[in-house]
Amino acid sequence: MISIIIPALNEENYLPKLLDSINRQAYKDYEIIVADANSKDSTVKIARKYGCKVVKGGGLPGISRNRGVKTAKGDILLFLDADSVIGKDFLADAVKEMENRNLDAAGTFLKPLSNKIIDRIFLGIFNFWTYATQAFYPNACGSGIFCKRWLHEKIKGFDEEIKLSEDMDYVKRAGNFGKFGIIRNPKVIYSMRRYDREGRLKVGFKLFLSALYRLIFGEIRSNVFNYKLKYKR
């Protein structure tokens, strides 16, 4: 079974689209866990309407994901963001590729939920970078990470003290004890709302600086990059 874990905070306008895309999957052996960080809108009500398990009291995404895993029953964990969408063959194709490549953890390619050329270029660069470094320096976006349960437990889950790039740290540590790779197909359809809100150049520069910071100083345990979990709805 796949346990799909979705951290959420005030996601009533996005969560239904993701849950609809999950319910359309050809692969049916899954459960959905919404790890809610004390939403003030209808997020929890929507999750329960769709039959999801709801875990409350989360915080930053790493904390929420760890809480979700505690109630998960699956041998494979899949972490998705609430504003993402997946195609109907996503789970079946991903499981097949993981089996064929003997992967214990995996990231995915990202496709923008946008028709803007700049977004395709931006995510194309990110996809190239994660794919090129997969064998020696694992990187992946938290919008689409697979990990076998034994490996998640081996590395003790997400580091809850990290303020930014906890997803990158997670797969890096997973790669130390299991085989990691990037799944090229299928792709996670990735929301660009953060880029719309803050500006593409600003976000891109911030992500570049955060990657450089991690290489030089290690994981980001202070809010030096002013990371904000809350988004305008």
Protein backbone atom coordinates (compact mmCIF):
# COMPACT_ATOMS: atom_id res chain seq x y z
CA MET A 1 0.00 0.00 0.00
CA ILE A 2 1.02 3.60 -0.66
CA SER A 3 0.37 6.09 2.10
CA ILE A 4 -0.10 9.53 0.53
CA ILE A 5 0.72 12.25 3.04
CA ILE A 6 -0.33 15.82 2.36
CA PRO A 7 0.68 18.69 4.68
CA ALA A 8 -1.96 21.41 4.56
CA LEU A 9 -2.70 24.85 5.94
CA ASN A 10 -5.82 26.69 4.70
CA GLU A 11 -5.92 24.80 1.39
CA GLU A 12 -9.69 24.73 0.73
CA ASN A 13 -9.22 26.18 -2.78
CA TYR A 14 -6.52 23.69 -3.83
CA LEU A 15 -6.95 20.45 -1.90
CA PRO A 16 -10.10 19.26 -3.78
CA LYS A 17 -8.23 19.36 -7.10
CA LEU A 18 -5.44 17.20 -5.73
CA LEU A 19 -7.84 14.75 -4.07
CA ASP A 20 -9.87 14.46 -7.27
CA SER A 21 -6.69 13.64 -9.19
CA ILE A 22 -5.80 10.98 -6.62
CA ASN A 23 -9.25 9.42 -6.77
CA ARG A 24 -8.91 9.09 -10.55
CA GLN A 25 -5.82 6.87 -10.20
CA ALA A 26 -5.78 3.51 -11.95
CA TYR A 27 -3.70 2.24 -9.02
CA LYS A 28 -6.08 1.85 -6.07
CA ASP A 29 -3.96 0.43 -3.24
CA TYR A 30 -3.47 3.66 -1.32
CA GLU A 31 -4.62 5.69 1.64
CA ILE A 32 -4.65 9.48 1.98
CA ILE A 33 -3.54 11.30 5.11
CA VAL A 34 -3.98 15.06 5.38
CA ALA A 35 -1.66 16.48 8.03
CA ASP A 36 -3.35 19.74 8.93
CA ALA A 37 -1.44 22.63 10.52
CA ASN A 38 -4.47 24.10 12.32
CA SER A 39 -6.31 25.45 9.28
CA LYS A 40 -8.94 28.14 9.83
CA ASP A 41 -10.89 27.40 6.65
CA SER A 42 -12.67 24.27 5.35
CA THR A 43 -9.52 22.21 4.72
CA VAL A 44 -10.27 19.58 7.38
CA LYS A 45 -13.95 19.36 6.41
CA ILE A 46 -13.00 18.80 2.76
CA ALA A 47 -10.41 16.16 3.65
CA ARG A 48 -12.93 14.21 5.71
CA LYS A 49 -15.55 14.52 2.98
CA TYR A 50 -13.12 12.77 0.62
CA GLY A 51 -12.52 10.01 3.16
CA CYS A 52 -9.00 11.06 4.13
CA LYS A 53 -7.46 10.43 7.49
CA VAL A 54 -6.83 13.77 9.19
CA VAL A 55 -3.94 14.43 11.56
CA LYS A 56 -4.05 17.82 13.26
CA GLY A 57 -1.52 19.96 15.08
CA GLY A 58 1.26 20.17 12.49
CA GLY A 59 3.49 23.11 11.70
CA LEU A 60 6.15 23.51 9.02
CA PRO A 61 5.85 20.88 6.27
CA GLY A 62 8.49 18.56 7.79
CA ILE A 63 6.64 18.44 11.10
CA SER A 64 3.31 17.79 9.40
CA ARG A 65 4.76 15.04 7.21
CA ASN A 66 6.25 13.26 10.21
CA ARG A 67 2.90 13.42 12.01
CA GLY A 68 1.22 11.94 8.99
CA VAL A 69 3.64 9.03 8.82
CA LYS A 70 2.83 8.07 12.41
CA THR A 71 -0.69 7.05 11.35
CA ALA A 72 0.31 5.62 7.96
CA LYS A 73 -0.10 1.92 7.16
CA GLY A 74 1.67 1.70 3.81
CA ASP A 75 5.10 0.30 3.02
CA ILE A 76 5.65 3.14 0.56
CA LEU A 77 5.22 6.77 1.59
CA LEU A 78 4.38 9.49 -0.93
CA PHE A 79 4.61 13.13 0.10
CA LEU A 80 2.60 15.57 -2.02
CA ASP A 81 1.84 19.27 -1.58
CA ALA A 82 -1.80 20.27 -1.29
CA ASP A 83 -1.64 22.59 -4.30
CA SER A 84 -0.22 19.97 -6.68
CA VAL A 85 -2.05 17.66 -9.10
CA ILE A 86 -1.14 14.24 -10.52
CA GLY A 87 -2.16 12.43 -13.71
CA LYS A 88 -4.36 9.31 -13.60
CA ASP A 89 -1.45 6.89 -14.15
CA PHE A 90 0.95 8.64 -11.77
CA LEU A 91 0.93 6.05 -8.97
CA ALA A 92 1.00 3.00 -11.25
CA ASP A 93 3.83 4.35 -13.40
CA ALA A 94 5.85 5.57 -10.41
CA VAL A 95 5.61 2.25 -8.56
CA LYS A 96 6.60 0.38 -11.72
CA GLU A 97 9.66 2.58 -12.25
CA MET A 98 10.71 2.28 -8.62
CA GLU A 99 10.49 -1.51 -8.87
CA ASN A 100 12.35 -1.66 -12.19
CA ARG A 101 15.18 0.54 -10.86
CA ASN A 102 15.15 -0.96 -7.33
CA LEU A 103 14.70 2.49 -5.80
CA ASP A 104 14.13 2.93 -2.08
CA ALA A 105 13.44 6.66 -2.36
CA ALA A 106 12.65 8.89 -5.29
CA GLY A 107 11.92 12.41 -6.36
CA THR A 108 9.90 13.37 -9.42
CA PHE A 109 10.13 15.73 -12.33
CA LEU A 110 7.90 18.79 -12.01
CA LYS A 111 5.58 20.26 -14.62
CA PRO A 112 4.23 23.79 -14.02
CA LEU A 113 0.54 24.35 -13.40
CA SER A 114 0.90 27.27 -15.76
CA ASN A 115 1.20 28.03 -19.47
CA LYS A 116 4.00 30.55 -19.03
CA ILE A 117 7.21 29.79 -20.90
CA ILE A 118 9.30 31.19 -18.04
CA ASP A 119 7.79 28.60 -15.70
CA ARG A 120 8.65 25.76 -18.07
CA ILE A 121 12.21 27.05 -18.30
CA PHE A 122 12.51 27.46 -14.54
CA LEU A 123 11.26 23.97 -13.73
CA GLY A 124 13.21 22.55 -16.65
CA ILE A 125 16.41 23.84 -15.03
CA PHE A 126 15.34 22.39 -11.68
CA ASN A 127 14.51 19.01 -13.26
CA PHE A 128 17.87 18.90 -15.02
CA TRP A 129 19.71 19.75 -11.80
CA THR A 130 17.96 17.10 -9.68
CA TYR A 131 18.40 14.46 -12.39
CA ALA A 132 22.06 15.27 -13.00
CA THR A 133 22.94 15.06 -9.28
CA GLN A 134 20.76 12.09 -8.31
CA ALA A 135 23.59 9.56 -8.09
CA PHE A 136 25.96 11.57 -5.88
CA TYR A 137 24.01 14.43 -4.27
CA PRO A 138 20.26 13.63 -4.01
CA ASN A 139 17.85 16.54 -4.31
CA ALA A 140 14.07 16.57 -4.66
CA CYS A 141 11.14 18.88 -4.13
CA GLY A 142 8.68 18.07 -1.34
CA SER A 143 5.86 18.31 -3.86
CA GLY A 144 6.66 14.75 -4.92
CA ILE A 145 8.83 12.43 -2.82
CA PHE A 146 8.51 8.65 -2.50
CA CYS A 147 10.23 6.79 0.33
CA LYS A 148 9.94 3.25 1.61
CA ARG A 149 8.76 3.17 5.17
CA TRP A 150 11.79 1.30 6.52
CA LEU A 151 14.06 3.97 5.09
CA HIS A 152 11.99 6.82 6.52
CA GLU A 153 12.28 5.18 9.93
CA LYS A 154 16.00 4.54 9.43
CA ILE A 155 16.71 8.24 8.91
CA LYS A 156 14.15 9.25 11.57
CA GLY A 157 11.99 11.17 9.14
CA PHE A 158 12.20 14.85 8.29
CA ASP A 159 14.43 17.04 10.45
CA GLU A 160 11.88 19.24 12.20
CA GLU A 161 14.43 21.92 13.12
CA ILE A 162 15.15 22.80 9.49
CA LYS A 163 13.40 25.98 8.30
CA LEU A 164 13.95 25.64 4.55
CA SER A 165 14.93 22.80 2.19
CA GLU A 166 13.94 20.09 4.65
CA ASP A 167 12.93 18.07 1.59
CA MET A 168 16.46 18.28 0.15
CA ASP A 169 17.96 17.21 3.47
CA TYR A 170 15.49 14.31 3.69
CA VAL A 171 16.40 12.75 0.35
CA LYS A 172 20.09 13.41 0.90
CA ARG A 173 20.00 11.38 4.10
CA ALA A 174 17.78 8.75 2.47
CA GLY A 175 20.42 8.35 -0.24
CA ASN A 176 22.99 7.47 2.41
CA PHE A 177 21.13 4.29 3.37
CA GLY A 178 19.04 3.37 0.32
CA LYS A 179 19.03 3.75 -3.45
CA PHE A 180 17.70 7.12 -4.59
CA GLY A 181 16.66 8.25 -8.04
CA ILE A 182 14.56 10.77 -9.92
CA ILE A 183 11.45 9.45 -11.66
CA ARG A 184 11.23 11.14 -15.05
CA ASN A 185 7.73 9.98 -15.94
CA PRO A 186 5.16 10.59 -14.58
CA LYS A 187 5.51 14.19 -13.41
CA VAL A 188 3.94 16.13 -10.56
CA ILE A 189 1.97 19.12 -11.83
CA TYR A 190 3.40 21.85 -9.64
CA SER A 191 1.68 25.05 -8.47
CA MET A 192 3.47 28.31 -9.26
CA ARG A 193 1.51 30.38 -6.72
CA ARG A 194 4.56 31.16 -4.61
CA TYR A 195 6.26 32.53 -7.71
CA ASP A 196 3.16 34.56 -8.58
CA ARG A 197 3.09 36.06 -5.10
CA GLU A 198 6.78 36.83 -4.56
CA GLY A 199 8.00 37.13 -8.14
CA ARG A 200 9.92 34.57 -10.16
CA LEU A 201 13.30 36.26 -10.03
CA LYS A 202 13.07 36.77 -6.28
CA VAL A 203 12.08 33.17 -5.59
CA GLY A 204 14.66 31.80 -8.01
CA PHE A 205 17.42 33.87 -6.45
CA LYS A 206 16.33 32.84 -2.95
CA LEU A 207 16.41 29.16 -3.92
CA PHE A 208 19.85 29.57 -5.50
CA LEU A 209 21.17 31.24 -2.35
CA SER A 210 19.65 28.57 -0.14
CA ALA A 211 21.34 25.82 -2.17
CA LEU A 212 24.66 27.67 -1.91
CA TYR A 213 24.15 28.18 1.82
CA ARG A 214 23.58 24.44 2.33
CA LEU A 215 26.76 23.58 0.44
CA ILE A 216 28.86 25.96 2.54
CA PHE A 217 27.24 26.06 5.97
CA GLY A 218 24.97 22.99 6.12
CA GLU A 219 21.23 22.80 6.69
CA ILE A 220 19.18 25.96 7.20
CA ARG A 221 18.09 26.00 10.85
CA SER A 222 17.27 29.71 11.15
CA ASN A 223 14.83 31.84 9.18
CA VAL A 224 17.61 33.61 7.32
CA PHE A 225 15.67 33.39 4.02
CA ASN A 226 12.36 34.57 5.52
CA TYR A 227 10.46 31.43 4.54
CA LYS A 228 6.69 31.81 4.82
CA LEU A 229 4.39 28.81 5.07
CA LYS A 230 1.20 30.84 4.69
CA TYR A 231 -0.02 31.72 1.20
CA LYS A 232 -2.70 34.07 0.03
CA ARG A 233 -5.70 32.08 -1.05
